[in-house]
PDB file of N, CA and C in Angstrom:
ATOM      1  N   MET A   1      81.991  74.010  99.986  1.00  0.00           N
ATOM      2  CA  MET A   1      82.043  74.995 101.055  1.00  0.00           C
ATOM      3  C   MET A   1      83.491  75.410 101.305  1.00  0.00           C
ATOM      4  N   GLN A   2      83.690  76.676 101.492  1.00  0.00           N
ATOM      5  CA  GLN A   2      85.033  77.168 101.780  1.00  0.00           C
ATOM      6  C   GLN A   2      85.385  76.942 103.231  1.00  0.00           C
ATOM      7  N   LYS A   3      86.670  76.700 103.452  1.00  0.00           N
ATOM      8  CA  LYS A   3      87.131  76.620 104.834  1.00  0.00           C
ATOM      9  C   LYS A   3      88.539  77.183 104.924  1.00  0.00           C
ATOM     10  N   LEU A   4      88.876  77.607 106.115  1.00  0.00           N
ATOM     11  CA  LEU A   4      90.197  78.150 106.387  1.00  0.00           C
ATOM     12  C   LEU A   4      91.109  77.003 106.789  1.00  0.00           C
ATOM     13  N   GLU A   5      92.209  76.854 106.063  1.00  0.00           N
ATOM     14  CA  GLU A   5      93.176  75.782 106.320  1.00  0.00           C
ATOM     15  C   GLU A   5      94.460  76.382 106.882  1.00  0.00           C
ATOM     16  N   ARG A   6      95.044  75.676 107.827  1.00  0.00           N
ATOM     17  CA  ARG A   6      96.330  76.097 108.398  1.00  0.00           C
ATOM     18  C   ARG A   6      97.447  75.347 107.682  1.00  0.00           C
ATOM     19  N   HIS A   7      98.320  76.093 107.048  1.00  0.00           N
ATOM     20  CA  HIS A   7      99.491  75.501 106.408  1.00  0.00           C
ATOM     21  C   HIS A   7     100.653  75.452 107.398  1.00  0.00           C
ATOM     22  N   SER A   8     100.767  76.497 108.208  1.00  0.00           N
ATOM     23  CA  SER A   8     101.782  76.590 109.256  1.00  0.00           C
ATOM     24  C   SER A   8     101.255  77.596 110.277  1.00  0.00           C
ATOM     25  N   PRO A   9     101.936  77.762 111.405  1.00  0.00           N
ATOM     26  CA  PRO A   9     101.450  78.751 112.376  1.00  0.00           C
ATOM     27  C   PRO A   9     101.356  80.172 111.803  1.00  0.00           C
ATOM     28  N   ARG A  10     102.149  80.470 110.789  1.00  0.00           N
ATOM     29  CA  ARG A  10     102.189  81.821 110.221  1.00  0.00           C
ATOM     30  C   ARG A  10     101.445  81.966 108.896  1.00  0.00           C
ATOM     31  N   PHE A  11     101.005  80.851 108.290  1.00  0.00           N
ATOM     32  CA  PHE A  11     100.317  80.950 107.000  1.00  0.00           C
ATOM     33  C   PHE A  11      99.055  80.101 106.979  1.00  0.00           C
ATOM     34  N   TRP A  12      97.959  80.760 106.660  1.00  0.00           N
ATOM     35  CA  TRP A  12      96.644  80.132 106.530  1.00  0.00           C
ATOM     36  C   TRP A  12      96.104  80.490 105.152  1.00  0.00           C
ATOM     37  N   TYR A  13      95.156  79.695 104.660  1.00  0.00           N
ATOM     38  CA  TYR A  13      94.521  80.036 103.391  1.00  0.00           C
ATOM     39  C   TYR A  13      93.072  79.574 103.369  1.00  0.00           C
ATOM     40  N   MET A  14      92.262  80.339 102.648  1.00  0.00           N
ATOM     41  CA  MET A  14      90.859  80.004 102.441  1.00  0.00           C
ATOM     42  C   MET A  14      90.783  79.219 101.137  1.00  0.00           C
ATOM     43  N   THR A  15      90.176  78.043 101.194  1.00  0.00           N
ATOM     44  CA  THR A  15      90.086  77.187 100.013  1.00  0.00           C
ATOM     45  C   THR A  15      89.215  77.841  98.934  1.00  0.00           C
ATOM     46  N   PRO A  16      89.478  77.521  97.656  1.00  0.00           N
ATOM     47  CA  PRO A  16      88.707  78.129  96.565  1.00  0.00           C
ATOM     48  C   PRO A  16      87.372  77.417  96.334  1.00  0.00           C
ATOM     49  N   VAL A  17      86.473  78.097  95.628  1.00  0.00           N
ATOM     50  CA  VAL A  17      85.209  77.504  95.187  1.00  0.00           C
ATOM     51  C   VAL A  17      85.030  77.877  93.718  1.00  0.00           C
ATOM     52  N   ALA A  18      85.226  76.912  92.828  1.00  0.00           N
ATOM     53  CA  ALA A  18      85.169  77.180  91.386  1.00  0.00           C
ATOM     54  C   ALA A  18      83.781  77.612  90.929  1.00  0.00           C
ATOM     55  N   GLU A  19      82.740  77.029  91.508  1.00  0.00           N
ATOM     56  CA  GLU A  19      81.371  77.319  91.064  1.00  0.00           C
ATOM     57  C   GLU A  19      80.988  78.787  91.240  1.00  0.00           C
ATOM     58  N   THR A  20      81.571  79.453  92.209  1.00  0.00           N
ATOM     59  CA  THR A  20      81.255  80.867  92.455  1.00  0.00           C
ATOM     60  C   THR A  20      82.467  81.778  92.234  1.00  0.00           C
ATOM     61  N   ASP A  21      83.489  81.252  91.551  1.00  0.00           N
ATOM     62  CA  ASP A  21      84.693  82.029  91.245  1.00  0.00           C
ATOM     63  C   ASP A  21      85.333  82.649  92.479  1.00  0.00           C
ATOM     64  N   ARG A  22      85.336  81.883  93.569  1.00  0.00           N
ATOM     65  CA  ARG A  22      86.023  82.365  94.769  1.00  0.00           C
ATOM     66  C   ARG A  22      87.443  81.799  94.779  1.00  0.00           C
ATOM     67  N   PRO A  23      88.448  82.663  94.624  1.00  0.00           N
ATOM     68  CA  PRO A  23      89.826  82.185  94.595  1.00  0.00           C
ATOM     69  C   PRO A  23      90.356  81.880  95.998  1.00  0.00           C
ATOM     70  N   ILE A  24      91.517  81.272  96.026  1.00  0.00           N
ATOM     71  CA  ILE A  24      92.230  81.079  97.289  1.00  0.00           C
ATOM     72  C   ILE A  24      92.604  82.457  97.834  1.00  0.00           C
ATOM     73  N   LEU A  25      92.425  82.654  99.129  1.00  0.00           N
ATOM     74  CA  LEU A  25      92.895  83.856  99.807  1.00  0.00           C
ATOM     75  C   LEU A  25      93.947  83.432 100.815  1.00  0.00           C
ATOM     76  N   GLY A  26      95.102  84.061 100.796  1.00  0.00           N
ATOM     77  CA  GLY A  26      96.171  83.727 101.719  1.00  0.00           C
ATOM     78  C   GLY A  26      96.225  84.698 102.884  1.00  0.00           C
ATOM     79  N   VAL A  27      96.657  84.194 104.035  1.00  0.00           N
ATOM     80  CA  VAL A  27      96.779  85.018 105.241  1.00  0.00           C
ATOM     81  C   VAL A  27      98.135  84.739 105.883  1.00  0.00           C
ATOM     82  N   VAL A  28      98.947  85.777 106.007  1.00  0.00           N
ATOM     83  CA  VAL A  28     100.245  85.675 106.668  1.00  0.00           C
ATOM     84  C   VAL A  28     100.110  86.365 108.022  1.00  0.00           C
ATOM     85  N   VAL A  29     100.347  85.617 109.082  1.00  0.00           N
ATOM     86  CA  VAL A  29     100.172  86.118 110.446  1.00  0.00           C
ATOM     87  C   VAL A  29     101.531  86.531 111.008  1.00  0.00           C
ATOM     88  N   GLY A  30     101.683  87.816 111.270  1.00  0.00           N
ATOM     89  CA  GLY A  30     102.917  88.322 111.850  1.00  0.00           C
ATOM     90  C   GLY A  30     102.735  88.661 113.314  1.00  0.00           C
ATOM     91  N   ASP A  31     103.781  89.169 113.935  1.00  0.00           N
ATOM     92  CA  ASP A  31     103.709  89.553 115.345  1.00  0.00           C
ATOM     93  C   ASP A  31     102.871  90.810 115.557  1.00  0.00           C
ATOM     94  N   THR A  32     102.926  91.741 114.600  1.00  0.00           N
ATOM     95  CA  THR A  32     102.203  93.006 114.766  1.00  0.00           C
ATOM     96  C   THR A  32     101.175  93.278 113.669  1.00  0.00           C
ATOM     97  N   HIS A  33     101.233  92.547 112.581  1.00  0.00           N
ATOM     98  CA  HIS A  33     100.295  92.748 111.474  1.00  0.00           C
ATOM     99  C   HIS A  33      99.879  91.408 110.888  1.00  0.00           C
ATOM    100  N   THR A  34      98.718  91.417 110.258  1.00  0.00           N
ATOM    101  CA  THR A  34      98.244  90.265 109.501  1.00  0.00           C
ATOM    102  C   THR A  34      98.059  90.724 108.061  1.00  0.00           C
ATOM    103  N   LEU A  35      98.685  89.997 107.136  1.00  0.00           N
ATOM    104  CA  LEU A  35      98.650  90.321 105.716  1.00  0.00           C
ATOM    105  C   LEU A  35      97.675  89.393 105.007  1.00  0.00           C
ATOM    106  N   LEU A  36      96.730  89.968 104.297  1.00  0.00           N
ATOM    107  CA  LEU A  36      95.809  89.207 103.462  1.00  0.00           C
ATOM    108  C   LEU A  36      96.304  89.283 102.025  1.00  0.00           C
ATOM    109  N   ILE A  37      96.405  88.141 101.374  1.00  0.00           N
ATOM    110  CA  ILE A  37      96.820  88.098  99.974  1.00  0.00           C
ATOM    111  C   ILE A  37      95.559  87.953  99.129  1.00  0.00           C
ATOM    112  N   ASP A  38      95.189  89.023  98.466  1.00  0.00           N
ATOM    113  CA  ASP A  38      93.979  89.212  97.668  1.00  0.00           C
ATOM    114  C   ASP A  38      92.774  89.443  98.562  1.00  0.00           C
ATOM    115  N   ALA A  39      91.812  90.192  98.027  1.00  0.00           N
ATOM    116  CA  ALA A  39      90.683  90.665  98.832  1.00  0.00           C
ATOM    117  C   ALA A  39      89.400  89.878  98.621  1.00  0.00           C
ATOM    118  N   GLY A  40      89.399  88.926  97.703  1.00  0.00           N
ATOM    119  CA  GLY A  40      88.196  88.131  97.470  1.00  0.00           C
ATOM    120  C   GLY A  40      87.306  88.712  96.391  1.00  0.00           C
ATOM    121  N   ASN A  41      86.270  87.927  96.018  1.00  0.00           N
ATOM    122  CA  ASN A  41      85.429  88.328  94.886  1.00  0.00           C
ATOM    123  C   ASN A  41      84.193  89.133  95.273  1.00  0.00           C
ATOM    124  N   SER A  42      83.963  89.306  96.574  1.00  0.00           N
ATOM    125  CA  SER A  42      82.791  90.065  97.033  1.00  0.00           C
ATOM    126  C   SER A  42      82.947  90.351  98.519  1.00  0.00           C
ATOM    127  N   GLU A  43      82.115  91.241  99.025  1.00  0.00           N
ATOM    128  CA  GLU A  43      82.117  91.482 100.472  1.00  0.00           C
ATOM    129  C   GLU A  43      81.744  90.205 101.218  1.00  0.00           C
ATOM    130  N   SER A  44      80.817  89.441 100.669  1.00  0.00           N
ATOM    131  CA  SER A  44      80.413  88.184 101.302  1.00  0.00           C
ATOM    132  C   SER A  44      81.590  87.217 101.413  1.00  0.00           C
ATOM    133  N   HIS A  45      82.362  87.113 100.344  1.00  0.00           N
ATOM    134  CA  HIS A  45      83.545  86.246 100.341  1.00  0.00           C
ATOM    135  C   HIS A  45      84.531  86.688 101.425  1.00  0.00           C
ATOM    136  N   THR A  46      84.800  87.978 101.457  1.00  0.00           N
ATOM    137  CA  THR A  46      85.744  88.518 102.430  1.00  0.00           C
ATOM    138  C   THR A  46      85.225  88.362 103.852  1.00  0.00           C
ATOM    139  N   ASN A  47      83.937  88.585 104.049  1.00  0.00           N
ATOM    140  CA  ASN A  47      83.356  88.413 105.387  1.00  0.00           C
ATOM    141  C   ASN A  47      83.400  86.963 105.844  1.00  0.00           C
ATOM    142  N   THR A  48      83.277  86.020 104.915  1.00  0.00           N
ATOM    143  CA  THR A  48      83.432  84.600 105.258  1.00  0.00           C
ATOM    144  C   THR A  48      84.833  84.349 105.795  1.00  0.00           C
ATOM    145  N   LEU A  49      85.824  84.943 105.141  1.00  0.00           N
ATOM    146  CA  LEU A  49      87.207  84.817 105.618  1.00  0.00           C
ATOM    147  C   LEU A  49      87.372  85.467 106.985  1.00  0.00           C
ATOM    148  N   LEU A  50      86.860  86.676 107.149  1.00  0.00           N
ATOM    149  CA  LEU A  50      86.997  87.376 108.435  1.00  0.00           C
ATOM    150  C   LEU A  50      86.362  86.577 109.568  1.00  0.00           C
ATOM    151  N   ASP A  51      85.202  85.981 109.318  1.00  0.00           N
ATOM    152  CA  ASP A  51      84.549  85.139 110.329  1.00  0.00           C
ATOM    153  C   ASP A  51      85.414  83.937 110.678  1.00  0.00           C
ATOM    154  N   ALA A  52      86.004  83.313 109.660  1.00  0.00           N
ATOM    155  CA  ALA A  52      86.856  82.140 109.892  1.00  0.00           C
ATOM    156  C   ALA A  52      88.114  82.514 110.679  1.00  0.00           C
ATOM    157  N   LEU A  53      88.681  83.674 110.385  1.00  0.00           N
ATOM    158  CA  LEU A  53      89.844  84.132 111.158  1.00  0.00           C
ATOM    159  C   LEU A  53      89.470  84.291 112.625  1.00  0.00           C
ATOM    160  N   ALA A  54      88.350  84.937 112.889  1.00  0.00           N
ATOM    161  CA  ALA A  54      87.900  85.148 114.275  1.00  0.00           C
ATOM    162  C   ALA A  54      87.641  83.817 114.973  1.00  0.00           C
ATOM    163  N   GLU A  55      87.022  82.870 114.270  1.00  0.00           N
ATOM    164  CA  GLU A  55      86.742  81.551 114.852  1.00  0.00           C
ATOM    165  C   GLU A  55      88.020  80.816 115.238  1.00  0.00           C
ATOM    166  N   ASN A  56      89.118  81.122 114.541  1.00  0.00           N
ATOM    167  CA  ASN A  56      90.400  80.483 114.828  1.00  0.00           C
ATOM    168  C   ASN A  56      91.300  81.335 115.712  1.00  0.00           C
ATOM    169  N   GLY A  57      90.756  82.415 116.271  1.00  0.00           N
ATOM    170  CA  GLY A  57      91.520  83.259 117.179  1.00  0.00           C
ATOM    171  C   GLY A  57      92.596  84.081 116.502  1.00  0.00           C
ATOM    172  N   LEU A  58      92.433  84.340 115.204  1.00  0.00           N
ATOM    173  CA  LEU A  58      93.424  85.109 114.451  1.00  0.00           C
ATOM    174  C   LEU A  58      92.949  86.547 114.274  1.00  0.00           C
ATOM    175  N   ASP A  59      93.900  87.476 114.272  1.00  0.00           N
ATOM    176  CA  ASP A  59      93.576  88.888 114.075  1.00  0.00           C
ATOM    177  C   ASP A  59      93.102  89.134 112.648  1.00  0.00           C
ATOM    178  N   ARG A  60      92.224  90.118 112.504  1.00  0.00           N
ATOM    179  CA  ARG A  60      91.793  90.483 111.162  1.00  0.00           C
ATOM    180  C   ARG A  60      92.958  91.165 110.447  1.00  0.00           C
ATOM    181  N   PRO A  61      92.959  91.149 109.126  1.00  0.00           N
ATOM    182  CA  PRO A  61      94.089  91.721 108.395  1.00  0.00           C
ATOM    183  C   PRO A  61      94.207  93.232 108.580  1.00  0.00           C
ATOM    184  N   THR A  62      95.441  93.690 108.565  1.00  0.00           N
ATOM    185  CA  THR A  62      95.722  95.124 108.604  1.00  0.00           C
ATOM    186  C   THR A  62      96.276  95.606 107.266  1.00  0.00           C
ATOM    187  N   ILE A  63      96.755  94.659 106.463  1.00  0.00           N
ATOM    188  CA  ILE A  63      97.342  94.957 105.153  1.00  0.00           C
ATOM    189  C   ILE A  63      96.766  93.965 104.145  1.00  0.00           C
ATOM    190  N   VAL A  64      96.464  94.454 102.936  1.00  0.00           N
ATOM    191  CA  VAL A  64      96.003  93.590 101.850  1.00  0.00           C
ATOM    192  C   VAL A  64      96.937  93.782 100.662  1.00  0.00           C
ATOM    193  N   ALA A  65      97.504  92.691 100.168  1.00  0.00           N
ATOM    194  CA  ALA A  65      98.328  92.731  98.963  1.00  0.00           C
ATOM    195  C   ALA A  65      97.510  92.155  97.812  1.00  0.00           C
ATOM    196  N   LEU A  66      97.303  92.960  96.788  1.00  0.00           N
ATOM    197  CA  LEU A  66      96.536  92.521  95.622  1.00  0.00           C
ATOM    198  C   LEU A  66      97.502  91.986  94.572  1.00  0.00           C
ATOM    199  N   THR A  67      97.319  90.727  94.186  1.00  0.00           N
ATOM    200  CA  THR A  67      98.236  90.104  93.230  1.00  0.00           C
ATOM    201  C   THR A  67      98.000  90.584  91.810  1.00  0.00           C
ATOM    202  N   HIS A  68      96.750  90.918  91.495  1.00  0.00           N
ATOM    203  CA  HIS A  68      96.402  91.448  90.177  1.00  0.00           C
ATOM    204  C   HIS A  68      94.991  92.022  90.228  1.00  0.00           C
ATOM    205  N   TRP A  69      94.551  92.617  89.134  1.00  0.00           N
ATOM    206  CA  TRP A  69      93.351  93.445  89.110  1.00  0.00           C
ATOM    207  C   TRP A  69      92.060  92.708  88.804  1.00  0.00           C
ATOM    208  N   HIS A  70      92.073  91.411  88.557  1.00  0.00           N
ATOM    209  CA  HIS A  70      90.836  90.716  88.183  1.00  0.00           C
ATOM    210  C   HIS A  70      89.793  90.817  89.294  1.00  0.00           C
ATOM    211  N   TRP A  71      88.531  90.931  88.881  1.00  0.00           N
ATOM    212  CA  TRP A  71      87.418  91.192  89.803  1.00  0.00           C
ATOM    213  C   TRP A  71      87.369  90.210  90.959  1.00  0.00           C
ATOM    214  N   ASP A  72      87.680  88.929  90.694  1.00  0.00           N
ATOM    215  CA  ASP A  72      87.560  87.929  91.755  1.00  0.00           C
ATOM    216  C   ASP A  72      88.649  88.062  92.817  1.00  0.00           C
ATOM    217  N   HIS A  73      89.598  88.955  92.598  1.00  0.00           N
ATOM    218  CA  HIS A  73      90.655  89.200  93.580  1.00  0.00           C
ATOM    219  C   HIS A  73      90.545  90.575  94.241  1.00  0.00           C
ATOM    220  N   ILE A  74      89.649  91.437  93.731  1.00  0.00           N
ATOM    221  CA  ILE A  74      89.591  92.810  94.259  1.00  0.00           C
ATOM    222  C   ILE A  74      88.226  93.255  94.767  1.00  0.00           C
ATOM    223  N   PHE A  75      87.133  92.617  94.332  1.00  0.00           N
ATOM    224  CA  PHE A  75      85.806  93.137  94.683  1.00  0.00           C
ATOM    225  C   PHE A  75      85.487  93.039  96.172  1.00  0.00           C
ATOM    226  N   GLY A  76      86.211  92.241  96.926  1.00  0.00           N
ATOM    227  CA  GLY A  76      86.000  92.175  98.368  1.00  0.00           C
ATOM    228  C   GLY A  76      86.700  93.277  99.140  1.00  0.00           C
ATOM    229  N   LEU A  77      87.467  94.090  98.451  1.00  0.00           N
ATOM    230  CA  LEU A  77      88.243  95.149  99.112  1.00  0.00           C
ATOM    231  C   LEU A  77      87.356  96.118  99.886  1.00  0.00           C
ATOM    232  N   SER A  78      86.138  96.324  99.428  1.00  0.00           N
ATOM    233  CA  SER A  78      85.240  97.265 100.118  1.00  0.00           C
ATOM    234  C   SER A  78      84.848  96.784 101.513  1.00  0.00           C
ATOM    235  N   ALA A  79      85.059  95.504 101.814  1.00  0.00           N
ATOM    236  CA  ALA A  79      84.773  94.973 103.155  1.00  0.00           C
ATOM    237  C   ALA A  79      85.947  95.174 104.111  1.00  0.00           C
ATOM    238  N   LEU A  80      87.009  95.816 103.636  1.00  0.00           N
ATOM    239  CA  LEU A  80      88.238  95.964 104.426  1.00  0.00           C
ATOM    240  C   LEU A  80      88.674  97.430 104.534  1.00  0.00           C
ATOM    241  N   PRO A  81      87.787  98.339 104.935  1.00  0.00           N
ATOM    242  CA  PRO A  81      88.128  99.766 104.902  1.00  0.00           C
ATOM    243  C   PRO A  81      89.233 100.181 105.867  1.00  0.00           C
ATOM    244  N   TRP A  82      89.533  99.399 106.866  1.00  0.00           N
ATOM    245  CA  TRP A  82      90.557  99.754 107.860  1.00  0.00           C
ATOM    246  C   TRP A  82      91.959  99.331 107.417  1.00  0.00           C
ATOM    247  N   THR A  83      92.055  98.595 106.315  1.00  0.00           N
ATOM    248  CA  THR A  83      93.347  98.067 105.897  1.00  0.00           C
ATOM    249  C   THR A  83      94.092  99.033 104.986  1.00  0.00           C
ATOM    250  N   VAL A  84      95.390  98.802 104.897  1.00  0.00           N
ATOM    251  CA  VAL A  84      96.223  99.433 103.883  1.00  0.00           C
ATOM    252  C   VAL A  84      96.311  98.424 102.749  1.00  0.00           C
ATOM    253  N   SER A  85      96.031  98.857 101.521  1.00  0.00           N
ATOM    254  CA  SER A  85      96.137  97.932 100.393  1.00  0.00           C
ATOM    255  C   SER A  85      97.372  98.261  99.567  1.00  0.00           C
ATOM    256  N   ILE A  86      97.992  97.199  99.070  1.00  0.00           N
ATOM    257  CA  ILE A  86      99.219  97.307  98.293  1.00  0.00           C
ATOM    258  C   ILE A  86      98.971  96.649  96.942  1.00  0.00           C
ATOM    259  N   ALA A  87      99.357  97.337  95.875  1.00  0.00           N
ATOM    260  CA  ALA A  87      99.220  96.789  94.528  1.00  0.00           C
ATOM    261  C   ALA A  87     100.301  97.395  93.645  1.00  0.00           C
ATOM    262  N   SER A  88     100.589  96.728  92.551  1.00  0.00           N
ATOM    263  CA  SER A  88     101.519  97.299  91.583  1.00  0.00           C
ATOM    264  C   SER A  88     100.858  98.495  90.897  1.00  0.00           C
ATOM    265  N   VAL A  89     101.655  99.318  90.263  1.00  0.00           N
ATOM    266  CA  VAL A  89     101.125 100.457  89.518  1.00  0.00           C
ATOM    267  C   VAL A  89     100.201  99.961  88.411  1.00  0.00           C
ATOM    268  N   GLU A  90     100.576  98.882  87.743  1.00  0.00           N
ATOM    269  CA  GLU A  90      99.730  98.331  86.676  1.00  0.00           C
ATOM    270  C   GLU A  90      98.373  97.891  87.225  1.00  0.00           C
ATOM    271  N   THR A  91      98.380  97.203  88.366  1.00  0.00           N
ATOM    272  CA  THR A  91      97.117  96.774  88.974  1.00  0.00           C
ATOM    273  C   THR A  91      96.273  97.983  89.351  1.00  0.00           C
ATOM    274  N   LYS A  92      96.876  98.985  89.950  1.00  0.00           N
ATOM    275  CA  LYS A  92      96.140 100.203  90.315  1.00  0.00           C
ATOM    276  C   LYS A  92      95.511 100.847  89.085  1.00  0.00           C
ATOM    277  N   ASN A  93      96.273 100.962  88.007  1.00  0.00           N
ATOM    278  CA  ASN A  93      95.756 101.579  86.786  1.00  0.00           C
ATOM    279  C   ASN A  93      94.599 100.771  86.196  1.00  0.00           C
ATOM    280  N   LYS A  94      94.721  99.458  86.188  1.00  0.00           N
ATOM    281  CA  LYS A  94      93.636  98.603  85.672  1.00  0.00           C
ATOM    282  C   LYS A  94      92.397  98.732  86.559  1.00  0.00           C
ATOM    283  N   MET A  95      92.580  98.801  87.862  1.00  0.00           N
ATOM    284  CA  MET A  95      91.442  98.956  88.776  1.00  0.00           C
ATOM    285  C   MET A  95      90.733 100.288  88.531  1.00  0.00           C
ATOM    286  N   GLN A  96      91.491 101.343  88.297  1.00  0.00           N
ATOM    287  CA  GLN A  96      90.884 102.651  88.043  1.00  0.00           C
ATOM    288  C   GLN A  96      90.044 102.637  86.770  1.00  0.00           C
ATOM    289  N   ARG A  97      90.442 101.824  85.787  1.00  0.00           N
ATOM    290  CA  ARG A  97      89.658 101.711  84.554  1.00  0.00           C
ATOM    291  C   ARG A  97      88.324 101.015  84.799  1.00  0.00           C
ATOM    292  N   LEU A  98      88.212 100.232  85.862  1.00  0.00           N
ATOM    293  CA  LEU A  98      86.966  99.524  86.174  1.00  0.00           C
ATOM    294  C   LEU A  98      85.944 100.413  86.884  1.00  0.00           C
ATOM    295  N   LEU A  99      86.385 101.507  87.476  1.00  0.00           N
ATOM    296  CA  LEU A  99      85.510 102.342  88.310  1.00  0.00           C
ATOM    297  C   LEU A  99      84.233 102.824  87.626  1.00  0.00           C
ATOM    298  N   PRO A 100      84.264 103.241  86.362  1.00  0.00           N
ATOM    299  CA  PRO A 100      83.026 103.757  85.771  1.00  0.00           C
ATOM    300  C   PRO A 100      81.987 102.683  85.427  1.00  0.00           C
ATOM    301  N   TYR A 101      82.380 101.428  85.437  1.00  0.00           N
ATOM    302  CA  TYR A 101      81.472 100.357  85.015  1.00  0.00           C
ATOM    303  C   TYR A 101      80.403 100.046  86.058  1.00  0.00           C
ATOM    304  N   GLU A 102      79.224  99.672  85.559  1.00  0.00           N
ATOM    305  CA  GLU A 102      78.177  99.084  86.391  1.00  0.00           C
ATOM    306  C   GLU A 102      78.360  97.572  86.316  1.00  0.00           C
ATOM    307  N   TRP A 103      77.980  96.855  87.371  1.00  0.00           N
ATOM    308  CA  TRP A 103      78.241  95.417  87.422  1.00  0.00           C
ATOM    309  C   TRP A 103      76.973  94.569  87.501  1.00  0.00           C
ATOM    310  N   ASP A 104      75.827  95.159  87.182  1.00  0.00           N
ATOM    311  CA  ASP A 104      74.595  94.367  87.131  1.00  0.00           C
ATOM    312  C   ASP A 104      74.635  93.471  85.880  1.00  0.00           C
ATOM    313  N   ASP A 105      73.750  92.482  85.820  1.00  0.00           N
ATOM    314  CA  ASP A 105      73.762  91.512  84.722  1.00  0.00           C
ATOM    315  C   ASP A 105      73.598  92.172  83.356  1.00  0.00           C
ATOM    316  N   ALA A 106      72.682  93.121  83.242  1.00  0.00           N
ATOM    317  CA  ALA A 106      72.436  93.770  81.950  1.00  0.00           C
ATOM    318  C   ALA A 106      73.676  94.523  81.462  1.00  0.00           C
ATOM    319  N   SER A 107      74.337  95.235  82.357  1.00  0.00           N
ATOM    320  CA  SER A 107      75.545  95.982  81.979  1.00  0.00           C
ATOM    321  C   SER A 107      76.666  95.034  81.582  1.00  0.00           C
ATOM    322  N   LEU A 108      76.807  93.956  82.313  1.00  0.00           N
ATOM    323  CA  LEU A 108      77.837  92.971  82.000  1.00  0.00           C
ATOM    324  C   LEU A 108      77.560  92.322  80.651  1.00  0.00           C
ATOM    325  N   ASP A 109      76.298  91.948  80.403  1.00  0.00           N
ATOM    326  CA  ASP A 109      75.925  91.360  79.108  1.00  0.00           C
ATOM    327  C   ASP A 109      76.228  92.320  77.963  1.00  0.00           C
ATOM    328  N   GLU A 110      75.960  93.591  78.174  1.00  0.00           N
ATOM    329  CA  GLU A 110      76.230  94.601  77.145  1.00  0.00           C
ATOM    330  C   GLU A 110      77.725  94.688  76.841  1.00  0.00           C
ATOM    331  N   ARG A 111      78.564  94.635  77.870  1.00  0.00           N
ATOM    332  CA  ARG A 111      80.015  94.693  77.648  1.00  0.00           C
ATOM    333  C   ARG A 111      80.527  93.435  76.964  1.00  0.00           C
ATOM    334  N   VAL A 112      79.932  92.279  77.264  1.00  0.00           N
ATOM    335  CA  VAL A 112      80.321  91.039  76.579  1.00  0.00           C
ATOM    336  C   VAL A 112      79.951  91.147  75.100  1.00  0.00           C
ATOM    337  N   GLU A 113      78.737  91.611  74.809  1.00  0.00           N
ATOM    338  CA  GLU A 113      78.288  91.759  73.420  1.00  0.00           C
ATOM    339  C   GLU A 113      79.174  92.721  72.637  1.00  0.00           C
ATOM    340  N   SER A 114      79.660  93.766  73.287  1.00  0.00           N
ATOM    341  CA  SER A 114      80.498  94.748  72.591  1.00  0.00           C
ATOM    342  C   SER A 114      81.974  94.349  72.569  1.00  0.00           C
ATOM    343  N   GLY A 115      82.329  93.243  73.231  1.00  0.00           N
ATOM    344  CA  GLY A 115      83.700  92.754  73.202  1.00  0.00           C
ATOM    345  C   GLY A 115      84.600  93.314  74.285  1.00  0.00           C
ATOM    346  N   ILE A 116      84.057  94.120  75.186  1.00  0.00           N
ATOM    347  CA  ILE A 116      84.860  94.673  76.278  1.00  0.00           C
ATOM    348  C   ILE A 116      85.199  93.590  77.296  1.00  0.00           C
ATOM    349  N   GLU A 117      84.233  92.712  77.560  1.00  0.00           N
ATOM    350  CA  GLU A 117      84.427  91.591  78.486  1.00  0.00           C
ATOM    351  C   GLU A 117      84.354  90.290  77.700  1.00  0.00           C
ATOM    352  N   ILE A 118      84.953  89.238  78.237  1.00  0.00           N
ATOM    353  CA  ILE A 118      84.842  87.924  77.616  1.00  0.00           C
ATOM    354  C   ILE A 118      83.603  87.214  78.153  1.00  0.00           C
ATOM    355  N   PRO A 119      83.029  86.267  77.400  1.00  0.00           N
ATOM    356  CA  PRO A 119      81.804  85.593  77.852  1.00  0.00           C
ATOM    357  C   PRO A 119      81.914  84.954  79.231  1.00  0.00           C
ATOM    358  N   PHE A 120      83.090  84.492  79.614  1.00  0.00           N
ATOM    359  CA  PHE A 120      83.277  83.879  80.933  1.00  0.00           C
ATOM    360  C   PHE A 120      82.808  84.808  82.042  1.00  0.00           C
ATOM    361  N   CYS A 121      82.991  86.099  81.858  1.00  0.00           N
ATOM    362  CA  CYS A 121      82.629  87.076  82.889  1.00  0.00           C
ATOM    363  C   CYS A 121      81.134  87.129  83.151  1.00  0.00           C
ATOM    364  N   ALA A 122      80.335  86.760  82.163  1.00  0.00           N
ATOM    365  CA  ALA A 122      78.884  86.838  82.308  1.00  0.00           C
ATOM    366  C   ALA A 122      78.283  85.535  82.812  1.00  0.00           C
ATOM    367  N   ASP A 123      79.080  84.489  82.900  1.00  0.00           N
ATOM    368  CA  ASP A 123      78.564  83.185  83.364  1.00  0.00           C
ATOM    369  C   ASP A 123      78.359  83.161  84.853  1.00  0.00           C
TER     370      ASP A 123
END
């Protein structure tokens, strides 16, 4: 089970879950803004974080910094429409290449078979 851990008054993090490819999400709490480091692997993942922030009396994020373009770090972005997101140009370009893809099991299996995705992605 994931939980929100306090590292210091200004830095919190959501623990990872390997079985569901949920990475660590970092939260930097400022005086006027809260920065989320990575957006999570799904809306559910991100909503779990948002609930934990509220339970701990912390403001929801206003800014999201994406460390890289992998799905487990960006697919939760759709749960954060009020935020400003920050990414490198390379990350933005890689994300734009993902837009035309479907993400259902059959489509993912087809991309693995054709070599576009690695087998790990379909597990």
